[in-house]
Amino acid sequence: MTKEEFETRLFKEVDFLKDNGKEKAINFLIWFLVNYFRIEEELAVDLVCDHKNDKGIDGIYVDKQSKEVILLQSKLREKFNKSDGDGELRKLVGSGKWFKAENLDKLEQSRAAKELKSLVSELKVFDLLNEGYTLKLLFVTTGYFDFSAKDYIKVTPEVEYWDNNRLYSNFTYNGTEELVNEEFILEATDKIIENKYTTENSAFTLALKASELLKLNGIVDRSLFSKNVRYGLGKTNVNRSIAKTIKDKTKHNKFILFHNGITVVCHKAEKLMNEKLKITNYSVVNGCQSTLTLYENREYISDDLQVMVKVVATGENTKLSDEITYFANNQNPINPSDLKSREKFQLDLQKQFQHEYNSTVHYKIKRGEKVNDGAVVIENTFAAQLIHSFSLESPFNSHLKTSTFSKQYDKIFTRHTDIHLIYFLNETFDLIQNNLDKINEPIVRSYQPTKFFILFVLKRIINESGINEEFNESTQKFLSKYSSKRKAGFEKLIQIIMIQLNSDLENLKDEDEYIDYKNILRNSTEGKKLANSIIKGYKILLVHNPENKLEELLK
């Protein structure tokens, strides 16, 4: 994507947000939070202020992972060729003074907008700052910084600055709006019902012969379903039931009664003569399973077999088409990961894996996705378990995959989420699995939470090791630097942890003949106590065997 294309895209996507009633400049900040802080639009809307006298603050974001309170200010220039000097930057730095502890009462008693005061109170900003959170300022503009701004930036390192150059270089294009790029004419078997939902766009409902539906391009290579939340799932009970009905010609005339129908979104739809509908640039967003099952059993299809099709023309409003995708699938039983598969953040991560690892690693966000032969597959739900156990240091319920992904999603997937860390954690988890025979107790060895617990202990050891700083600074550089000895070094450390785990479990047996191992590994208090004991034992080992320090194992 060229910078000119990015400019067009940015302003178009900001314009798509106009229905929320916010000013365009504030919608730009919302767009920024969604695309770069990786948060959902609904949350971003709640974090912005768009009233006068907001003390130069357009939004506040609390980053619990980095323990920062971030004050946001945005500037929307209508063109990328407009410059920004240091004037707005100085105002933002001045605004930060209102958030010093001694100014709490002054801010509350000032004429600052009620919305700002409410947001400060709701986010407990001053409480967090008193607890040790760092105050950070962020300025983002669609313009570019001139010489005076660049000079000021050099002397204000406490402020994070974004102009159109940084926006462009850090934007991940994931092709979320990719559709079958062609015109196609649908021939209805009866009258087409039109519902005009805006002055420009309409939704259409029509009955269609299944044989006509299967003429749509993109079924074989799955491109027709690029906006669907999942691809074909194979021979599930539902798909087997549909196939059975297709093969029974006596039920063909009733198929339209049994089936929920197909939903298609397109850029443009035009009603023609003789109950025909011309669609331009289209995708099936609900009904992928049915369409594929119809295609696989196409030799049994007769003209009596019809399906109900809903076609929604959205123009180029990708936000609207994504909403249609969500609600069309939210009415049926769908995994939380399925519904998140169209979220920009998950698509970004998948695209980054493809780019950085040349398709040798596949970050799987959709059930039924095609995977290159020999590629390492990391499912997004599994990535969530790994991050929850390691980065958030909370392994005690990480084995509950669906719960972890759905309930902890916003804590796990943040702007700090790093594909190289995910790769490292997946690699390390494999090392843990390959060495489980080193654990003596069969129940502990076979218990899934044990693996996540060891990952947690490993994180604690890294935190106190000599490589902690470089590991946290850039996982990518860390992986590159220790590429030759990394696996062997971490495998040795994992084995040491397991040996110490055996010793601690034996000590527990001496205290109590009956031990509820599962409760220990699921219980936060007991689990942390066991982890502390393992780490203590490891430190004692290092006194006599310093060669087992992590930094030494990696040499």
Protein backbone atom coordinates (compact mmCIF):
# COMPACT_ATOMS: atom_id res chain seq x y z
CA MET A 1 0.00 0.00 0.00
CA THR A 2 1.45 3.35 -1.04
CA LYS A 3 1.35 6.36 1.26
CA GLU A 4 -1.21 8.01 -1.04
CA GLU A 5 -3.45 4.92 -0.80
CA PHE A 6 -3.01 4.91 2.97
CA GLU A 7 -4.03 8.58 3.14
CA THR A 8 -7.22 7.87 1.17
CA ARG A 9 -7.97 4.84 3.33
CA LEU A 10 -7.42 6.70 6.61
CA PHE A 11 -9.82 9.54 5.82
CA LYS A 12 -12.40 7.12 4.39
CA GLU A 13 -12.34 4.93 7.52
CA VAL A 14 -12.57 7.97 9.79
CA ASP A 15 -15.58 9.11 7.78
CA PHE A 16 -17.23 5.70 8.32
CA LEU A 17 -17.29 6.50 12.06
CA LYS A 18 -19.50 9.57 11.64
CA ASP A 19 -22.66 7.77 12.80
CA ASN A 20 -21.47 7.85 16.42
CA GLY A 21 -22.21 11.58 16.60
CA LYS A 22 -18.63 12.55 17.48
CA GLU A 23 -16.67 15.30 15.77
CA LYS A 24 -14.45 14.19 12.90
CA ALA A 25 -11.24 15.03 14.80
CA ILE A 26 -12.35 12.84 17.71
CA ASN A 27 -13.27 10.04 15.32
CA PHE A 28 -9.70 10.20 14.07
CA LEU A 29 -8.51 9.53 17.63
CA ILE A 30 -10.97 6.63 17.90
CA TRP A 31 -9.61 5.27 14.61
CA PHE A 32 -6.07 5.60 15.98
CA LEU A 33 -6.91 3.72 19.19
CA VAL A 34 -8.57 0.89 17.26
CA ASN A 35 -5.74 0.51 14.74
CA TYR A 36 -2.67 1.11 16.89
CA PHE A 37 -3.70 0.40 20.49
CA ARG A 38 -5.67 -2.62 19.22
CA ILE A 39 -8.81 -1.99 21.29
CA GLU A 40 -12.42 -2.40 20.22
CA GLU A 41 -14.26 0.58 18.81
CA GLU A 42 -16.90 0.55 21.57
CA LEU A 43 -14.20 0.91 24.23
CA ALA A 44 -12.35 3.59 22.25
CA VAL A 45 -15.53 5.68 22.08
CA ASP A 46 -15.77 5.58 25.88
CA LEU A 47 -12.20 6.83 26.29
CA VAL A 48 -12.48 10.11 24.36
CA CYS A 49 -13.69 13.60 25.30
CA ASP A 50 -15.20 15.88 22.69
CA HIS A 51 -16.46 18.84 24.68
CA LYS A 52 -15.04 22.33 24.96
CA ASN A 53 -12.70 23.16 27.82
CA ASP A 54 -11.30 19.65 28.04
CA LYS A 55 -7.94 21.11 29.14
CA GLY A 56 -6.36 20.06 25.86
CA ILE A 57 -7.06 16.38 26.56
CA ASP A 58 -8.98 14.46 23.87
CA GLY A 59 -8.84 11.07 25.55
CA ILE A 60 -7.37 8.98 28.36
CA TYR A 61 -6.14 5.40 28.12
CA VAL A 62 -5.00 3.27 31.06
CA ASP A 63 -2.40 0.68 30.06
CA LYS A 64 -2.44 -1.88 32.87
CA GLN A 65 0.35 -3.94 31.34
CA SER A 66 2.91 -1.11 31.22
CA LYS A 67 1.25 0.63 34.21
CA GLU A 68 0.81 3.93 32.40
CA VAL A 69 -1.93 6.55 32.32
CA ILE A 70 -1.79 7.99 28.81
CA LEU A 71 -3.27 11.42 28.05
CA LEU A 72 -4.17 11.68 24.37
CA GLN A 73 -4.42 14.66 22.06
CA SER A 74 -5.18 14.46 18.34
CA LYS A 75 -5.04 16.83 15.38
CA LEU A 76 -6.88 16.10 12.15
CA ARG A 77 -5.37 17.75 9.10
CA GLU A 78 -7.42 17.32 5.94
CA LYS A 79 -4.28 16.50 3.93
CA PHE A 80 -1.02 14.72 4.70
CA ASN A 81 0.92 17.65 3.24
CA LYS A 82 -0.04 19.95 6.13
CA SER A 83 2.63 20.51 8.78
CA ASP A 84 2.44 20.72 12.57
CA GLY A 85 4.75 22.97 14.57
CA ASP A 86 5.52 22.85 18.26
CA GLY A 87 2.52 24.92 19.40
CA GLU A 88 0.09 22.02 19.94
CA LEU A 89 2.85 19.90 21.45
CA ARG A 90 3.61 22.55 24.06
CA LYS A 91 -0.08 22.79 24.94
CA LEU A 92 -0.23 19.04 25.57
CA VAL A 93 2.81 19.16 27.85
CA GLY A 94 1.15 22.03 29.73
CA SER A 95 -2.06 19.99 30.04
CA GLY A 96 -0.12 17.25 31.78
CA LYS A 97 0.46 19.55 34.76
CA TRP A 98 -3.23 19.26 35.68
CA PHE A 99 -2.62 15.60 36.50
CA LYS A 100 -0.03 16.04 39.18
CA ALA A 101 -1.16 14.80 42.60
CA GLU A 102 -1.28 18.29 44.10
CA ASN A 103 -3.72 19.42 41.39
CA LEU A 104 -6.47 16.86 42.03
CA ASP A 105 -8.73 19.34 43.82
CA LYS A 106 -7.87 22.11 41.36
CA LEU A 107 -8.97 19.97 38.41
CA GLU A 108 -12.19 19.00 40.15
CA GLN A 109 -13.01 22.64 41.01
CA SER A 110 -11.96 24.02 37.63
CA ARG A 111 -14.22 24.74 34.68
CA ALA A 112 -12.95 21.66 32.90
CA ALA A 113 -15.61 19.80 30.92
CA LYS A 114 -17.75 17.42 32.98
CA GLU A 115 -16.99 14.65 30.49
CA LEU A 116 -13.25 14.97 31.24
CA LYS A 117 -13.84 14.99 35.01
CA SER A 118 -16.13 11.98 34.69
CA LEU A 119 -13.55 10.07 32.63
CA VAL A 120 -10.80 10.89 35.14
CA SER A 121 -13.02 9.62 37.95
CA GLU A 122 -14.23 6.53 36.11
CA LEU A 123 -10.70 5.43 35.22
CA LYS A 124 -9.46 6.25 38.76
CA VAL A 125 -6.60 8.21 37.21
CA PHE A 126 -5.30 9.88 40.38
CA ASP A 127 -5.59 6.64 42.38
CA LEU A 128 -3.49 4.84 39.78
CA LEU A 129 -0.89 7.61 39.70
CA ASN A 130 -0.66 7.40 43.51
CA GLU A 131 -0.16 3.63 43.19
CA GLY A 132 2.88 4.20 41.01
CA TYR A 133 1.49 4.36 37.48
CA THR A 134 3.49 6.63 35.16
CA LEU A 135 1.85 9.61 33.47
CA LYS A 136 2.49 9.59 29.73
CA LEU A 137 1.42 12.03 27.01
CA LEU A 138 0.65 11.10 23.40
CA PHE A 139 0.10 13.44 20.45
CA VAL A 140 -1.15 12.12 17.10
CA THR A 141 -1.72 14.10 13.90
CA THR A 142 -2.48 13.40 10.26
CA GLY A 143 -0.01 16.15 9.40
CA TYR A 144 3.77 15.92 9.53
CA PHE A 145 6.15 17.48 12.07
CA ASP A 146 8.14 20.50 10.89
CA PHE A 147 11.62 21.44 12.14
CA SER A 148 10.36 23.31 15.23
CA ALA A 149 8.24 20.30 16.24
CA LYS A 150 11.16 17.89 15.72
CA ASP A 151 13.42 20.09 17.85
CA TYR A 152 10.80 20.14 20.64
CA ILE A 153 10.34 16.37 20.41
CA LYS A 154 14.05 15.90 21.16
CA VAL A 155 13.70 17.59 24.56
CA THR A 156 10.38 15.98 25.60
CA PRO A 157 11.02 12.21 25.75
CA GLU A 158 8.05 11.79 28.11
CA VAL A 159 5.70 12.38 25.15
CA GLU A 160 4.93 9.84 22.43
CA TYR A 161 4.58 11.53 19.05
CA TRP A 162 2.77 10.23 15.97
CA ASP A 163 2.58 12.05 12.62
CA ASN A 164 1.47 10.66 9.24
CA ASN A 165 4.94 9.22 8.60
CA ARG A 166 4.81 7.09 11.75
CA LEU A 167 1.17 6.19 11.17
CA TYR A 168 2.00 4.94 7.69
CA SER A 169 5.10 2.98 8.66
CA ASN A 170 3.29 1.21 11.54
CA PHE A 171 -0.01 0.46 9.80
CA THR A 172 -0.81 -3.19 9.15
CA TYR A 173 -2.87 -3.76 6.03
CA ASN A 174 -4.74 -7.04 6.32
CA GLY A 175 -7.13 -6.93 3.39
CA THR A 176 -10.27 -7.17 5.54
CA GLU A 177 -12.40 -5.80 2.69
CA GLU A 178 -11.21 -8.35 0.11
CA LEU A 179 -14.22 -9.51 -1.86
CA VAL A 180 -14.80 -11.44 -5.06
CA ASN A 181 -14.03 -8.55 -7.38
CA GLU A 182 -16.56 -8.87 -10.20
CA GLU A 183 -20.17 -8.31 -11.24
CA PHE A 184 -22.60 -11.22 -11.03
CA ILE A 185 -26.32 -11.51 -11.85
CA LEU A 186 -28.58 -13.49 -9.50
CA GLU A 187 -31.79 -14.83 -11.08
CA ALA A 188 -34.55 -15.09 -8.46
CA THR A 189 -37.33 -17.68 -8.69
CA ASP A 190 -39.92 -15.18 -7.43
CA LYS A 191 -40.24 -11.50 -6.58
CA ILE A 192 -37.25 -9.75 -5.07
CA ILE A 193 -38.04 -7.80 -1.90
CA GLU A 194 -36.11 -4.56 -1.49
CA ASN A 195 -35.60 -2.65 1.74
CA LYS A 196 -33.87 0.72 1.31
CA TYR A 197 -32.01 1.30 4.58
CA THR A 198 -30.26 4.51 3.44
CA THR A 199 -30.79 6.88 0.54
CA GLU A 200 -27.95 5.15 -1.27
CA ASN A 201 -28.03 1.51 -0.21
CA SER A 202 -30.55 -1.31 -0.05
CA ALA A 203 -30.97 -4.83 1.30
CA PHE A 204 -32.63 -7.46 -0.88
CA THR A 205 -34.27 -10.78 -0.06
CA LEU A 206 -34.77 -13.37 -2.79
CA ALA A 207 -35.27 -17.08 -3.37
CA LEU A 208 -32.58 -18.60 -5.54
CA LYS A 209 -32.04 -22.00 -7.11
CA ALA A 210 -29.14 -23.70 -5.37
CA SER A 211 -27.62 -24.36 -8.78
CA GLU A 212 -27.57 -20.56 -9.36
CA LEU A 213 -25.92 -19.94 -5.99
CA LEU A 214 -23.14 -22.36 -6.90
CA LYS A 215 -22.26 -20.29 -9.97
CA LEU A 216 -20.77 -17.62 -7.69
CA ASN A 217 -17.02 -17.44 -8.08
CA GLY A 218 -14.68 -18.16 -5.17
CA ILE A 219 -16.21 -21.38 -3.80
CA VAL A 220 -13.34 -23.68 -4.75
CA ASP A 221 -10.52 -21.43 -3.46
CA ARG A 222 -12.68 -20.18 -0.52
CA SER A 223 -12.22 -16.52 -1.52
CA LEU A 224 -16.03 -16.19 -1.56
CA PHE A 225 -15.96 -16.68 2.22
CA SER A 226 -13.06 -14.37 3.09
CA LYS A 227 -15.31 -12.27 5.36
CA ASN A 228 -16.94 -15.28 7.01
CA VAL A 229 -16.01 -15.98 10.65
CA ARG A 230 -14.98 -19.55 9.77
CA TYR A 231 -14.38 -21.73 6.73
CA GLY A 232 -15.68 -25.24 6.08
CA LEU A 233 -15.61 -27.47 9.14
CA GLY A 234 -15.90 -30.78 7.28
CA LYS A 235 -18.37 -33.50 8.18
CA THR A 236 -20.04 -32.03 11.24
CA ASN A 237 -23.47 -33.27 12.32
CA VAL A 238 -25.13 -30.19 10.80
CA ASN A 239 -23.30 -30.59 7.49
CA ARG A 240 -24.10 -34.30 7.37
CA SER A 241 -27.77 -33.46 7.95
CA ILE A 242 -27.74 -30.90 5.11
CA ALA A 243 -26.03 -33.41 2.81
CA LYS A 244 -28.65 -36.04 3.66
CA THR A 245 -31.46 -33.64 2.72
CA ILE A 246 -29.71 -32.72 -0.55
CA LYS A 247 -29.46 -36.38 -1.51
CA ASP A 248 -33.18 -36.92 -0.85
CA LYS A 249 -34.93 -35.34 -3.84
CA THR A 250 -38.36 -35.73 -2.21
CA LYS A 251 -37.31 -33.01 0.26
CA HIS A 252 -35.86 -30.55 -2.25
CA ASN A 253 -39.02 -28.45 -2.41
CA LYS A 254 -38.94 -28.09 1.40
CA PHE A 255 -35.22 -27.25 1.72
CA ILE A 256 -35.92 -23.51 1.70
CA LEU A 257 -38.20 -24.04 4.72
CA PHE A 258 -35.59 -25.98 6.70
CA HIS A 259 -32.59 -23.80 5.96
CA ASN A 260 -31.73 -20.44 7.56
CA GLY A 261 -30.50 -18.95 4.30
CA ILE A 262 -27.36 -17.28 3.00
CA THR A 263 -26.19 -13.71 3.69
CA VAL A 264 -24.17 -11.86 1.05
CA VAL A 265 -22.59 -8.42 1.37
CA CYS A 266 -21.49 -6.46 -1.67
CA HIS A 267 -20.37 -2.98 -2.64
CA LYS A 268 -23.29 -2.44 -4.98
CA ALA A 269 -26.58 -4.17 -5.85
CA GLU A 270 -28.87 -3.17 -8.69
CA LYS A 271 -32.33 -4.60 -9.36
CA LEU A 272 -32.83 -5.44 -13.06
CA MET A 273 -35.78 -6.51 -15.17
CA ASN A 274 -37.34 -9.99 -14.77
CA GLU A 275 -36.45 -10.37 -11.08
CA LYS A 276 -32.70 -10.27 -11.57
CA LEU A 277 -30.21 -8.68 -9.19
CA LYS A 278 -26.75 -7.53 -10.29
CA ILE A 279 -24.21 -7.53 -7.46
CA THR A 280 -20.72 -6.01 -7.58
CA ASN A 281 -17.77 -7.09 -5.39
CA TYR A 282 -19.37 -9.65 -3.08
CA SER A 283 -18.74 -12.09 -0.24
CA VAL A 284 -20.79 -14.71 1.64
CA VAL A 285 -20.62 -13.70 5.32
CA ASN A 286 -23.04 -16.30 6.68
CA GLY A 287 -23.77 -19.68 5.14
CA CYS A 288 -20.28 -20.88 4.28
CA GLN A 289 -20.93 -24.39 5.66
CA SER A 290 -24.17 -24.76 3.70
CA THR A 291 -22.72 -23.42 0.46
CA LEU A 292 -19.74 -25.78 0.64
CA THR A 293 -22.00 -28.74 1.45
CA LEU A 294 -24.22 -27.85 -1.52
CA TYR A 295 -21.14 -27.65 -3.73
CA GLU A 296 -19.77 -30.99 -2.51
CA ASN A 297 -23.14 -32.64 -3.29
CA ARG A 298 -23.91 -30.65 -6.46
CA GLU A 299 -24.64 -33.76 -8.56
CA TYR A 300 -27.80 -34.37 -6.45
CA ILE A 301 -29.19 -30.83 -6.81
CA SER A 302 -32.41 -30.29 -8.76
CA ASP A 303 -34.23 -27.09 -9.77
CA ASP A 304 -36.66 -27.69 -6.89
CA LEU A 305 -33.91 -27.10 -4.33
CA GLN A 306 -33.91 -23.41 -3.47
CA VAL A 307 -32.28 -21.27 -0.79
CA MET A 308 -33.24 -17.92 0.66
CA VAL A 309 -30.58 -15.29 0.08
CA LYS A 310 -30.22 -11.89 1.76
CA VAL A 311 -28.04 -9.42 -0.13
CA VAL A 312 -26.87 -6.24 1.58
CA ALA A 313 -25.21 -3.48 -0.43
CA THR A 314 -22.86 -1.60 1.90
CA GLY A 315 -20.90 0.52 -0.52
CA GLU A 316 -17.24 0.54 0.56
CA ASN A 317 -18.18 0.85 4.23
CA THR A 318 -16.10 -2.01 5.67
CA LYS A 319 -17.27 -1.14 9.20
CA LEU A 320 -20.88 -1.84 8.23
CA SER A 321 -20.05 -5.08 6.43
CA ASP A 322 -18.09 -6.27 9.50
CA GLU A 323 -21.08 -5.47 11.73
CA ILE A 324 -23.35 -7.48 9.42
CA THR A 325 -20.87 -10.37 9.59
CA TYR A 326 -20.87 -10.24 13.39
CA PHE A 327 -24.64 -10.11 13.89
CA ALA A 328 -25.39 -12.64 11.13
CA ASN A 329 -23.21 -15.17 12.97
CA ASN A 330 -23.98 -14.12 16.55
CA GLN A 331 -27.48 -15.60 16.28
CA ASN A 332 -26.11 -19.14 16.03
CA PRO A 333 -23.77 -21.15 18.31
CA ILE A 334 -20.30 -19.82 17.42
CA ASN A 335 -17.04 -20.06 19.34
CA PRO A 336 -15.75 -16.75 20.77
CA SER A 337 -12.65 -17.22 18.61
CA ASP A 338 -14.86 -17.48 15.51
CA LEU A 339 -16.47 -14.12 16.23
CA LYS A 340 -13.04 -12.57 16.85
CA SER A 341 -11.67 -13.96 13.57
CA ARG A 342 -12.81 -10.86 11.68
CA GLU A 343 -11.41 -8.46 14.26
CA LYS A 344 -8.67 -6.27 12.85
CA PHE A 345 -6.19 -7.15 15.60
CA GLN A 346 -6.39 -10.90 14.89
CA LEU A 347 -6.10 -10.28 11.16
CA ASP A 348 -3.10 -8.01 11.82
CA LEU A 349 -1.34 -10.71 13.85
CA GLN A 350 -1.96 -13.28 11.13
CA LYS A 351 -0.58 -10.93 8.48
CA GLN A 352 2.49 -10.16 10.60
CA PHE A 353 3.24 -13.87 11.05
CA GLN A 354 2.99 -14.40 7.27
CA HIS A 355 5.34 -11.50 6.64
CA GLU A 356 7.92 -12.18 9.35
CA TYR A 357 8.05 -15.98 9.09
CA ASN A 358 7.47 -16.39 5.32
CA SER A 359 4.43 -18.62 5.86
CA THR A 360 6.49 -21.20 7.79
CA VAL A 361 4.35 -20.29 10.81
CA HIS A 362 0.57 -20.07 10.45
CA TYR A 363 -1.33 -18.05 13.06
CA LYS A 364 -4.75 -19.69 12.87
CA ILE A 365 -7.73 -17.44 13.57
CA LYS A 366 -10.47 -19.32 11.73
CA ARG A 367 -11.61 -22.91 11.87
CA GLY A 368 -11.24 -24.54 8.47
CA GLU A 369 -8.35 -22.33 7.31
CA LYS A 370 -5.97 -23.80 4.76
CA VAL A 371 -2.45 -24.28 6.09
CA ASN A 372 0.77 -24.69 4.08
CA ASP A 373 2.32 -28.15 4.32
CA GLY A 374 4.96 -28.27 7.03
CA ALA A 375 3.97 -24.95 8.60
CA VAL A 376 3.97 -24.59 12.38
CA VAL A 377 0.36 -23.86 13.39
CA ILE A 378 -0.39 -21.60 16.37
CA GLU A 379 -4.10 -21.16 17.09
CA ASN A 380 -5.13 -17.78 18.48
CA THR A 381 -6.91 -19.47 21.39
CA PHE A 382 -3.69 -21.30 22.28
CA ALA A 383 -1.71 -18.07 21.93
CA ALA A 384 -4.11 -16.54 24.46
CA GLN A 385 -3.38 -19.38 26.91
CA LEU A 386 0.37 -18.91 26.48
CA ILE A 387 0.25 -15.13 26.98
CA HIS A 388 -2.10 -15.47 29.95
CA SER A 389 0.27 -17.90 31.67
CA PHE A 390 3.54 -16.16 30.82
CA SER A 391 3.08 -12.42 30.29
CA LEU A 392 0.19 -12.02 32.75
CA GLU A 393 1.74 -14.61 35.10
CA SER A 394 -1.64 -16.25 35.64
CA PRO A 395 -1.47 -19.93 34.66
CA PHE A 396 -3.99 -21.23 37.14
CA ASN A 397 -7.00 -21.16 34.81
CA SER A 398 -5.18 -20.92 31.49
CA HIS A 399 -6.09 -24.52 30.60
CA LEU A 400 -9.71 -23.36 30.16
CA LYS A 401 -9.22 -22.33 26.54
CA THR A 402 -12.63 -20.84 25.69
CA SER A 403 -12.98 -19.03 29.01
CA THR A 404 -9.45 -17.60 28.82
CA PHE A 405 -9.97 -16.36 25.26
CA SER A 406 -13.39 -14.81 25.82
CA LYS A 407 -13.18 -13.41 29.37
CA GLN A 408 -9.55 -12.28 29.36
CA TYR A 409 -9.32 -11.20 25.73
CA ASP A 410 -8.78 -7.48 26.34
CA LYS A 411 -6.06 -8.15 28.91
CA ILE A 412 -4.26 -10.66 26.69
CA PHE A 413 -4.37 -8.98 23.30
CA THR A 414 -3.08 -5.44 23.74
CA ARG A 415 -0.84 -3.06 21.85
CA HIS A 416 2.10 -4.84 23.53
CA THR A 417 1.24 -8.21 21.99
CA ASP A 418 4.24 -9.41 20.00
CA ILE A 419 4.22 -12.17 17.37
CA HIS A 420 7.83 -13.06 18.19
CA LEU A 421 6.91 -13.61 21.83
CA ILE A 422 4.02 -15.85 20.73
CA TYR A 423 6.46 -17.80 18.55
CA PHE A 424 8.91 -18.16 21.46
CA LEU A 425 6.18 -19.29 23.86
CA ASN A 426 4.89 -21.89 21.39
CA GLU A 427 8.45 -23.18 20.91
CA THR A 428 9.01 -23.29 24.67
CA PHE A 429 5.69 -25.05 25.29
CA ASP A 430 6.80 -27.76 22.86
CA LEU A 431 10.00 -28.18 24.91
CA ILE A 432 7.90 -28.57 28.07
CA GLN A 433 5.72 -31.22 26.43
CA ASN A 434 8.77 -33.10 25.13
CA ASN A 435 10.23 -33.34 28.65
CA LEU A 436 7.15 -34.27 30.66
CA ASP A 437 8.67 -37.70 31.31
CA LYS A 438 11.02 -35.93 33.73
CA ILE A 439 8.07 -35.37 36.10
CA ASN A 440 7.74 -38.34 38.45
CA GLU A 441 4.11 -38.02 39.58
CA PRO A 442 1.80 -39.44 36.82
CA ILE A 443 -1.16 -37.23 37.77
CA VAL A 444 0.96 -34.08 37.59
CA ARG A 445 2.69 -35.25 34.40
CA SER A 446 -0.59 -35.78 32.54
CA TYR A 447 -2.42 -32.74 33.93
CA GLN A 448 -2.71 -29.95 31.33
CA PRO A 449 -2.32 -27.02 33.80
CA THR A 450 1.13 -28.38 34.73
CA LYS A 451 2.52 -27.19 31.38
CA PHE A 452 1.20 -23.67 31.82
CA PHE A 453 2.46 -23.65 35.42
CA ILE A 454 6.02 -24.48 34.27
CA LEU A 455 5.77 -21.68 31.70
CA PHE A 456 4.85 -19.35 34.56
CA VAL A 457 7.83 -20.48 36.66
CA LEU A 458 10.06 -19.95 33.63
CA LYS A 459 8.81 -16.35 33.33
CA ARG A 460 9.60 -15.74 37.00
CA ILE A 461 13.16 -17.00 36.47
CA ILE A 462 13.61 -14.84 33.37
CA ASN A 463 12.44 -11.82 35.40
CA GLU A 464 15.30 -12.33 37.86
CA SER A 465 17.93 -13.34 35.30
CA GLY A 466 20.65 -11.39 33.54
CA ILE A 467 18.83 -11.56 30.21
CA ASN A 468 15.57 -10.03 31.45
CA GLU A 469 16.19 -6.55 30.07
CA GLU A 470 17.10 -7.60 26.55
CA PHE A 471 14.29 -10.17 26.49
CA ASN A 472 11.68 -7.54 27.37
CA GLU A 473 13.19 -4.88 25.14
CA SER A 474 12.84 -6.91 21.93
CA THR A 475 11.88 -10.57 21.72
CA GLN A 476 12.74 -10.52 18.02
CA LYS A 477 16.34 -9.43 18.69
CA PHE A 478 16.56 -11.91 21.57
CA LEU A 479 15.49 -14.80 19.32
CA SER A 480 18.01 -13.78 16.69
CA LYS A 481 20.89 -13.33 19.15
CA TYR A 482 20.39 -16.70 20.83
CA SER A 483 19.22 -18.66 17.78
CA SER A 484 21.90 -21.36 18.03
CA LYS A 485 21.71 -22.18 21.77
CA ARG A 486 18.20 -21.02 22.66
CA LYS A 487 16.36 -24.35 22.48
CA ALA A 488 19.07 -26.31 24.25
CA GLY A 489 19.44 -23.66 26.95
CA PHE A 490 15.74 -23.40 27.74
CA GLU A 491 15.29 -27.17 27.57
CA LYS A 492 17.99 -27.58 30.21
CA LEU A 493 16.31 -24.97 32.42
CA ILE A 494 12.91 -26.66 31.98
CA GLN A 495 14.45 -29.96 33.08
CA ILE A 496 15.92 -28.28 36.17
CA ILE A 497 12.49 -26.82 37.00
CA MET A 498 10.91 -30.26 36.65
CA ILE A 499 13.52 -31.89 38.90
CA GLN A 500 12.92 -29.21 41.53
CA LEU A 501 9.15 -29.70 41.12
CA ASN A 502 9.62 -33.41 41.87
CA SER A 503 11.57 -32.57 45.02
CA ASP A 504 8.96 -30.09 46.27
CA LEU A 505 6.11 -32.52 45.62
CA GLU A 506 7.98 -35.21 47.59
CA ASN A 507 8.35 -32.76 50.48
CA LEU A 508 4.61 -32.13 50.38
CA LYS A 509 4.03 -35.89 50.53
CA ASP A 510 6.11 -36.09 53.68
CA GLU A 511 3.81 -33.51 55.27
CA ASP A 512 0.55 -35.05 54.08
CA GLU A 513 0.07 -38.47 52.48
CA TYR A 514 -2.89 -37.25 50.44
CA ILE A 515 -2.11 -34.31 48.16
CA ASP A 516 -4.64 -32.69 45.84
CA TYR A 517 -2.22 -31.91 43.02
CA LYS A 518 -4.92 -30.50 40.80
CA ASN A 519 -6.03 -28.01 43.43
CA ILE A 520 -2.43 -26.82 43.95
CA LEU A 521 -1.96 -26.16 40.21
CA ARG A 522 -5.37 -24.48 39.85
CA ASN A 523 -5.24 -22.42 43.02
CA SER A 524 -3.46 -19.08 42.75
CA THR A 525 -2.27 -18.97 46.37
CA GLU A 526 -1.05 -22.58 46.50
CA GLY A 527 0.38 -22.41 43.00
CA LYS A 528 2.43 -19.28 43.72
CA LYS A 529 3.67 -20.86 46.95
CA LEU A 530 4.88 -23.90 44.98
CA ALA A 531 6.48 -21.65 42.35
CA ASN A 532 8.33 -19.70 45.05
CA SER A 533 9.67 -22.94 46.47
CA ILE A 534 10.89 -24.12 43.06
CA ILE A 535 12.64 -20.81 42.40
CA LYS A 536 14.22 -20.88 45.87
CA GLY A 537 15.57 -24.36 45.15
CA TYR A 538 16.88 -23.19 41.78
CA LYS A 539 18.75 -20.29 43.42
CA ILE A 540 20.36 -22.67 45.92
CA LEU A 541 21.46 -24.83 43.00
CA LEU A 542 23.10 -21.82 41.35
CA VAL A 543 25.31 -21.22 44.39
CA HIS A 544 27.09 -24.51 43.70
CA ASN A 545 26.43 -24.70 39.94
CA PRO A 546 26.51 -21.18 38.48
CA GLU A 547 26.78 -22.66 34.99
CA ASN A 548 23.01 -23.30 35.24
CA LYS A 549 22.23 -19.60 35.24
CA LEU A 550 19.99 -18.87 32.26
CA GLU A 551 22.46 -16.43 30.73
CA GLU A 552 25.14 -19.15 30.94
CA LEU A 553 22.88 -21.82 29.46
CA LEU A 554 22.34 -19.61 26.41
CA LYS A 555 26.06 -19.20 25.70
